[in-house]
Protein backbone atom coordinates (compact mmCIF):
# COMPACT_ATOMS: atom_id res chain seq x y z
CA UNK A 1 91.17 66.20 41.16
CA UNK A 2 93.42 69.32 41.02
CA UNK A 3 90.30 71.51 40.83
CA UNK A 4 88.98 69.93 44.00
CA UNK A 5 92.16 70.79 45.90
CA UNK A 6 92.13 74.30 44.45
CA UNK A 7 88.54 74.68 45.62
CA UNK A 8 89.51 73.51 49.12
CA UNK A 9 92.37 76.05 49.17
CA UNK A 10 90.15 78.96 48.14
CA UNK A 11 87.39 77.87 50.53
CA UNK A 12 89.86 77.65 53.42
CA UNK A 13 91.12 81.15 52.63
CA UNK A 14 87.53 82.34 52.31
CA UNK A 15 86.36 81.02 55.67
CA UNK A 16 88.22 83.79 57.48
CA UNK A 17 86.55 86.67 55.63
CA UNK A 18 83.01 86.39 57.03
CA UNK A 19 84.58 86.30 60.50
CA UNK A 20 86.69 89.35 59.70
CA UNK A 21 83.64 91.19 58.32
CA UNK A 22 81.63 90.44 61.47
CA UNK A 23 84.51 91.66 63.64
CA UNK A 24 84.71 94.88 61.59
CA UNK A 25 80.98 95.46 61.95
CA UNK A 26 80.92 94.81 65.70
CA UNK A 27 84.14 96.53 66.70
CA UNK A 28 83.51 99.73 64.72
CA UNK A 29 87.25 100.40 64.66
CA UNK A 30 90.02 100.01 62.09
CA UNK A 31 92.57 99.28 64.80
CA UNK A 32 94.27 95.96 64.25
CA UNK A 33 93.41 95.90 60.54
CA UNK A 34 95.95 96.29 57.75
CA UNK A 35 94.63 97.93 54.61
CA UNK A 36 97.83 96.99 52.76
CA UNK A 37 97.32 93.32 53.64
CA UNK A 38 93.69 93.39 52.52
CA UNK A 39 94.57 95.15 49.26
CA UNK A 40 97.22 92.54 48.46
CA UNK A 41 94.70 89.77 49.12
CA UNK A 42 92.16 91.54 46.90
CA UNK A 43 94.73 91.93 44.12
CA UNK A 44 95.64 88.25 44.48
CA UNK A 45 92.03 87.22 43.94
CA UNK A 46 91.81 89.52 40.90
CA UNK A 47 94.91 87.84 39.45
CA UNK A 48 93.40 84.42 40.17
CA UNK A 49 90.23 85.39 38.33
CA UNK A 50 92.20 86.80 35.40
CA UNK A 51 94.26 83.59 35.27
CA UNK A 52 91.09 81.50 35.08
CA UNK A 53 89.67 83.68 32.29
CA UNK A 54 92.86 83.88 30.22
CA UNK A 55 93.55 80.16 30.64
CA UNK A 56 89.99 79.28 29.63
CA UNK A 57 89.79 77.29 32.86
CA UNK A 58 86.53 78.56 34.29
CA UNK A 59 85.14 75.80 36.48
CA UNK A 60 83.07 75.73 39.66
CA UNK A 61 86.17 76.96 41.54
CA UNK A 62 85.81 80.32 39.77
CA UNK A 63 82.78 81.20 41.90
CA UNK A 64 84.83 80.82 45.08
CA UNK A 65 87.36 83.34 43.78
CA UNK A 66 84.52 85.77 43.05
CA UNK A 67 82.89 85.23 46.45
CA UNK A 68 86.19 85.82 48.24
CA UNK A 69 86.87 88.92 46.13
CA UNK A 70 83.49 90.33 47.17
CA UNK A 71 84.03 89.51 50.86
CA UNK A 72 87.46 91.14 50.93
CA UNK A 73 85.95 94.16 49.15
CA UNK A 74 83.29 94.40 51.86
CA UNK A 75 85.95 94.23 54.57
CA UNK A 76 87.95 96.97 52.81
CA UNK A 77 84.85 99.19 52.72
CA UNK A 78 84.26 98.52 56.41
CA UNK A 79 87.89 99.43 57.11
CA UNK A 80 87.36 102.90 55.63
CA UNK A 81 84.05 103.31 57.47
CA UNK A 82 85.69 102.31 60.73
CA UNK A 83 88.68 104.55 60.08
CA UNK A 84 86.29 107.50 59.80
CA UNK A 85 84.61 106.45 63.05
CA UNK A 86 88.06 106.27 64.69
CA UNK A 87 88.87 109.79 63.52
CA UNK A 88 85.65 111.14 65.03
CA UNK A 89 86.58 109.80 68.47
């Protein structure tokens, strides 16, 4: 049962990232984004993954951590792309 609630937590956090990625793609600007915030979120997911590995607690929830890590990484890449586009304008 605890794994189910952990999965719900990570899924709820993860729902926002596809929306953020789409906004980054459409807006083509880094305005309103915080790279520090995104980096802390990314680091948090890395620590969650490390915790699962070290604790030998790799369950189906692990995949949600990895998916979220990838989505935040994509949004970070889009931030730097959009920052360059902002500088050109």
